[in-house]
């Protein structure tokens, strides 16, 4: 068994972590692994929803928006969009 340290964990958070492990009657290392897995799953689901979710604009709406943005950029002297 090796001992690891986690920097910048305040006492309140550490006691809560220990309390969670005690309530589940599990070792703190196992609870930590579950937390990491949960965070990883939540993060992947978040990006899947953004990247693979339904489109917010139709192709027609997107083209109209791009046209409007180009016009505004020209009026105010910004560089042209590619």
N, C-alpha and C. Protein backbone atom coordinates (compact mmCIF):
# COMPACT_ATOMS: atom_id res chain seq x y z
N UNK A 1 0.84 -1.18 0.00
CA UNK A 1 0.00 0.00 0.00
C UNK A 1 0.88 1.23 0.00
N UNK A 2 0.53 2.19 -0.85
CA UNK A 2 1.26 3.45 -0.89
C UNK A 2 0.35 4.58 -0.41
N UNK A 3 0.97 5.58 0.13
CA UNK A 3 0.23 6.74 0.61
C UNK A 3 0.38 7.86 -0.39
N UNK A 4 -0.74 8.46 -0.76
CA UNK A 4 -0.75 9.59 -1.67
C UNK A 4 -1.29 10.80 -0.91
N UNK A 5 -0.90 11.96 -1.37
CA UNK A 5 -1.42 13.18 -0.76
C UNK A 5 -2.15 14.00 -1.81
N UNK A 6 -3.13 14.74 -1.36
CA UNK A 6 -3.87 15.65 -2.22
C UNK A 6 -3.68 17.04 -1.65
N UNK A 7 -3.14 17.94 -2.46
CA UNK A 7 -2.88 19.30 -1.99
C UNK A 7 -4.15 20.13 -2.03
N UNK A 8 -4.17 21.13 -1.18
CA UNK A 8 -5.22 22.15 -1.14
C UNK A 8 -6.63 21.61 -0.89
N UNK A 9 -6.74 20.58 -0.06
CA UNK A 9 -8.05 20.09 0.35
C UNK A 9 -8.30 20.65 1.74
N UNK A 10 -9.37 21.45 1.87
CA UNK A 10 -9.62 22.03 3.19
C UNK A 10 -10.21 20.99 4.14
N UNK A 11 -10.18 21.31 5.39
CA UNK A 11 -10.59 20.35 6.43
C UNK A 11 -12.05 19.95 6.29
N UNK A 12 -12.91 20.90 5.95
CA UNK A 12 -14.34 20.62 5.82
C UNK A 12 -14.58 19.59 4.70
N UNK A 13 -13.93 19.79 3.55
CA UNK A 13 -14.10 18.86 2.43
C UNK A 13 -13.54 17.49 2.78
N UNK A 14 -12.41 17.46 3.47
CA UNK A 14 -11.80 16.18 3.84
C UNK A 14 -12.71 15.40 4.80
N UNK A 15 -13.28 16.10 5.77
CA UNK A 15 -14.18 15.43 6.72
C UNK A 15 -15.44 14.92 6.02
N UNK A 16 -15.95 15.69 5.05
CA UNK A 16 -17.12 15.24 4.29
C UNK A 16 -16.78 13.99 3.49
N UNK A 17 -15.60 13.97 2.88
CA UNK A 17 -15.14 12.82 2.11
C UNK A 17 -15.06 11.58 3.00
N UNK A 18 -14.46 11.75 4.18
CA UNK A 18 -14.36 10.63 5.12
C UNK A 18 -15.75 10.17 5.57
N UNK A 19 -16.66 11.12 5.75
CA UNK A 19 -18.02 10.80 6.17
C UNK A 19 -18.74 9.98 5.10
N UNK A 20 -18.57 10.34 3.86
CA UNK A 20 -19.20 9.60 2.75
C UNK A 20 -18.69 8.16 2.73
N UNK A 21 -17.37 8.01 2.89
CA UNK A 21 -16.79 6.67 2.90
C UNK A 21 -17.33 5.85 4.07
N UNK A 22 -17.45 6.48 5.23
CA UNK A 22 -17.95 5.77 6.41
C UNK A 22 -19.41 5.36 6.23
N UNK A 23 -20.22 6.25 5.64
CA UNK A 23 -21.64 5.93 5.42
C UNK A 23 -21.81 4.77 4.47
N UNK A 24 -20.94 4.70 3.47
CA UNK A 24 -21.03 3.61 2.49
C UNK A 24 -20.28 2.36 2.95
N UNK A 25 -19.62 2.46 4.10
CA UNK A 25 -18.81 1.37 4.63
C UNK A 25 -17.83 0.86 3.58
N UNK A 26 -17.13 1.82 2.96
CA UNK A 26 -16.16 1.50 1.92
C UNK A 26 -14.85 2.23 2.22
N UNK A 27 -13.80 1.74 1.63
CA UNK A 27 -12.51 2.39 1.80
C UNK A 27 -12.50 3.70 1.00
N UNK A 28 -11.74 4.66 1.50
CA UNK A 28 -11.70 5.97 0.86
C UNK A 28 -11.14 5.89 -0.56
N UNK A 29 -10.24 4.98 -0.81
CA UNK A 29 -9.69 4.81 -2.15
C UNK A 29 -10.76 4.39 -3.14
N UNK A 30 -11.66 3.50 -2.71
CA UNK A 30 -12.75 3.04 -3.57
C UNK A 30 -13.72 4.18 -3.86
N UNK A 31 -14.04 4.98 -2.85
CA UNK A 31 -14.93 6.13 -3.04
C UNK A 31 -14.29 7.12 -4.00
N UNK A 32 -13.00 7.34 -3.87
CA UNK A 32 -12.29 8.27 -4.76
C UNK A 32 -12.36 7.77 -6.20
N UNK A 33 -12.16 6.48 -6.42
CA UNK A 33 -12.26 5.91 -7.77
C UNK A 33 -13.66 6.12 -8.34
N UNK A 34 -14.68 5.90 -7.52
CA UNK A 34 -16.06 6.11 -7.97
C UNK A 34 -16.29 7.57 -8.35
N UNK A 35 -15.74 8.48 -7.58
CA UNK A 35 -15.89 9.91 -7.87
C UNK A 35 -15.23 10.26 -9.20
N UNK A 36 -14.05 9.72 -9.44
CA UNK A 36 -13.35 10.00 -10.69
C UNK A 36 -14.13 9.43 -11.87
N UNK A 37 -14.62 8.21 -11.73
CA UNK A 37 -15.42 7.60 -12.80
C UNK A 37 -16.69 8.40 -13.07
N UNK A 38 -17.36 8.84 -12.02
CA UNK A 38 -18.58 9.63 -12.16
C UNK A 38 -18.28 10.94 -12.89
N UNK A 39 -17.20 11.61 -12.51
CA UNK A 39 -16.82 12.87 -13.15
C UNK A 39 -16.51 12.65 -14.63
N UNK A 40 -15.78 11.56 -14.93
CA UNK A 40 -15.42 11.27 -16.31
C UNK A 40 -16.67 11.01 -17.15
N UNK A 41 -17.61 10.22 -16.63
CA UNK A 41 -18.85 9.92 -17.35
C UNK A 41 -19.67 11.19 -17.57
N UNK A 42 -19.77 12.00 -16.53
CA UNK A 42 -20.54 13.24 -16.63
C UNK A 42 -19.94 14.17 -17.67
N UNK A 43 -18.62 14.27 -17.70
CA UNK A 43 -17.94 15.14 -18.66
C UNK A 43 -18.14 14.65 -20.09
N UNK A 44 -18.04 13.33 -20.31
CA UNK A 44 -18.24 12.77 -21.65
C UNK A 44 -19.67 12.98 -22.12
N UNK A 45 -20.64 12.78 -21.24
CA UNK A 45 -22.05 13.00 -21.59
C UNK A 45 -22.31 14.45 -21.95
N UNK A 46 -21.68 15.36 -21.24
CA UNK A 46 -21.84 16.79 -21.52
C UNK A 46 -21.40 17.11 -22.94
N UNK A 47 -20.21 16.64 -23.32
CA UNK A 47 -19.71 16.95 -24.66
C UNK A 47 -20.47 16.19 -25.74
N UNK A 48 -20.92 14.99 -25.45
CA UNK A 48 -21.75 14.26 -26.42
C UNK A 48 -23.04 15.03 -26.70
N UNK A 49 -23.64 15.58 -25.66
CA UNK A 49 -24.87 16.35 -25.85
C UNK A 49 -24.63 17.59 -26.71
N UNK A 50 -23.50 18.24 -26.51
CA UNK A 50 -23.19 19.44 -27.29
C UNK A 50 -22.83 19.09 -28.72
N UNK A 51 -21.93 18.15 -28.89
CA UNK A 51 -21.41 17.87 -30.23
C UNK A 51 -22.33 17.00 -31.08
N UNK A 52 -23.10 16.13 -30.46
CA UNK A 52 -23.92 15.20 -31.22
C UNK A 52 -25.42 15.43 -31.03
N UNK A 53 -25.77 16.51 -30.34
CA UNK A 53 -27.18 16.81 -30.10
C UNK A 53 -27.83 17.43 -31.31
N UNK A 54 -29.09 17.74 -31.18
CA UNK A 54 -29.81 18.34 -32.31
C UNK A 54 -29.27 19.72 -32.64
N UNK A 55 -29.33 20.08 -33.91
CA UNK A 55 -28.84 21.39 -34.36
C UNK A 55 -29.75 22.49 -33.83
N UNK A 56 -29.16 23.60 -33.45
CA UNK A 56 -29.94 24.72 -32.95
C UNK A 56 -30.49 25.58 -34.08
N UNK A 57 -29.80 25.57 -35.22
CA UNK A 57 -30.21 26.34 -36.38
C UNK A 57 -30.34 25.43 -37.59
N UNK A 58 -31.29 25.76 -38.46
CA UNK A 58 -31.36 25.04 -39.73
C UNK A 58 -30.28 25.60 -40.65
N UNK A 59 -30.05 24.92 -41.76
CA UNK A 59 -29.04 25.40 -42.72
C UNK A 59 -29.42 26.79 -43.25
N UNK A 60 -30.70 27.00 -43.48
CA UNK A 60 -31.18 28.29 -43.99
C UNK A 60 -30.95 29.40 -42.95
N UNK A 61 -31.25 29.11 -41.69
CA UNK A 61 -31.04 30.09 -40.62
C UNK A 61 -29.56 30.39 -40.44
N UNK A 62 -28.72 29.37 -40.52
CA UNK A 62 -27.28 29.56 -40.36
C UNK A 62 -26.73 30.42 -41.49
N UNK A 63 -27.18 30.19 -42.72
CA UNK A 63 -26.72 31.00 -43.86
C UNK A 63 -27.15 32.45 -43.70
N UNK A 64 -28.39 32.68 -43.25
CA UNK A 64 -28.88 34.04 -43.04
C UNK A 64 -28.08 34.74 -41.94
N UNK A 65 -27.76 34.00 -40.87
CA UNK A 65 -26.98 34.58 -39.78
C UNK A 65 -25.58 34.94 -40.25
N UNK A 66 -24.96 34.07 -41.03
CA UNK A 66 -23.62 34.33 -41.55
C UNK A 66 -23.63 35.57 -42.43
N UNK A 67 -24.65 35.70 -43.26
CA UNK A 67 -24.78 36.87 -44.13
C UNK A 67 -24.89 38.15 -43.31
N UNK A 68 -25.69 38.12 -42.25
CA UNK A 68 -25.86 39.28 -41.37
C UNK A 68 -24.56 39.64 -40.67
N UNK A 69 -23.86 38.64 -40.21
CA UNK A 69 -22.59 38.87 -39.50
C UNK A 69 -21.57 39.49 -40.45
N UNK A 70 -21.48 38.99 -41.67
CA UNK A 70 -20.55 39.54 -42.65
C UNK A 70 -20.85 41.01 -42.91
N UNK A 71 -22.14 41.34 -43.04
CA UNK A 71 -22.54 42.72 -43.30
C UNK A 71 -22.15 43.62 -42.13
N UNK A 72 -22.43 43.20 -40.92
CA UNK A 72 -22.10 43.99 -39.73
C UNK A 72 -20.59 44.18 -39.62
N UNK A 73 -19.83 43.11 -39.89
CA UNK A 73 -18.36 43.20 -39.80
C UNK A 73 -17.82 44.20 -40.81
N UNK A 74 -18.38 44.22 -42.02
CA UNK A 74 -17.95 45.17 -43.04
C UNK A 74 -18.27 46.59 -42.62
N UNK A 75 -19.47 46.80 -42.06
CA UNK A 75 -19.89 48.14 -41.64
C UNK A 75 -18.97 48.72 -40.56
N UNK A 76 -18.51 47.87 -39.65
CA UNK A 76 -17.69 48.35 -38.54
C UNK A 76 -16.20 48.16 -38.76
N UNK A 77 -15.79 47.74 -39.95
CA UNK A 77 -14.38 47.67 -40.30
C UNK A 77 -13.61 46.49 -39.74
N UNK A 78 -14.28 45.42 -39.36
CA UNK A 78 -13.57 44.23 -38.92
C UNK A 78 -13.10 43.44 -40.13
N UNK A 79 -12.15 42.55 -39.94
CA UNK A 79 -11.67 41.75 -41.07
C UNK A 79 -12.76 40.81 -41.56
N UNK A 80 -12.68 40.43 -42.83
CA UNK A 80 -13.68 39.57 -43.44
C UNK A 80 -13.55 38.15 -42.93
N UNK A 81 -14.69 37.48 -42.84
CA UNK A 81 -14.70 36.08 -42.46
C UNK A 81 -14.30 35.23 -43.65
N UNK A 82 -13.66 34.13 -43.41
CA UNK A 82 -13.24 33.24 -44.50
C UNK A 82 -14.38 32.48 -45.06
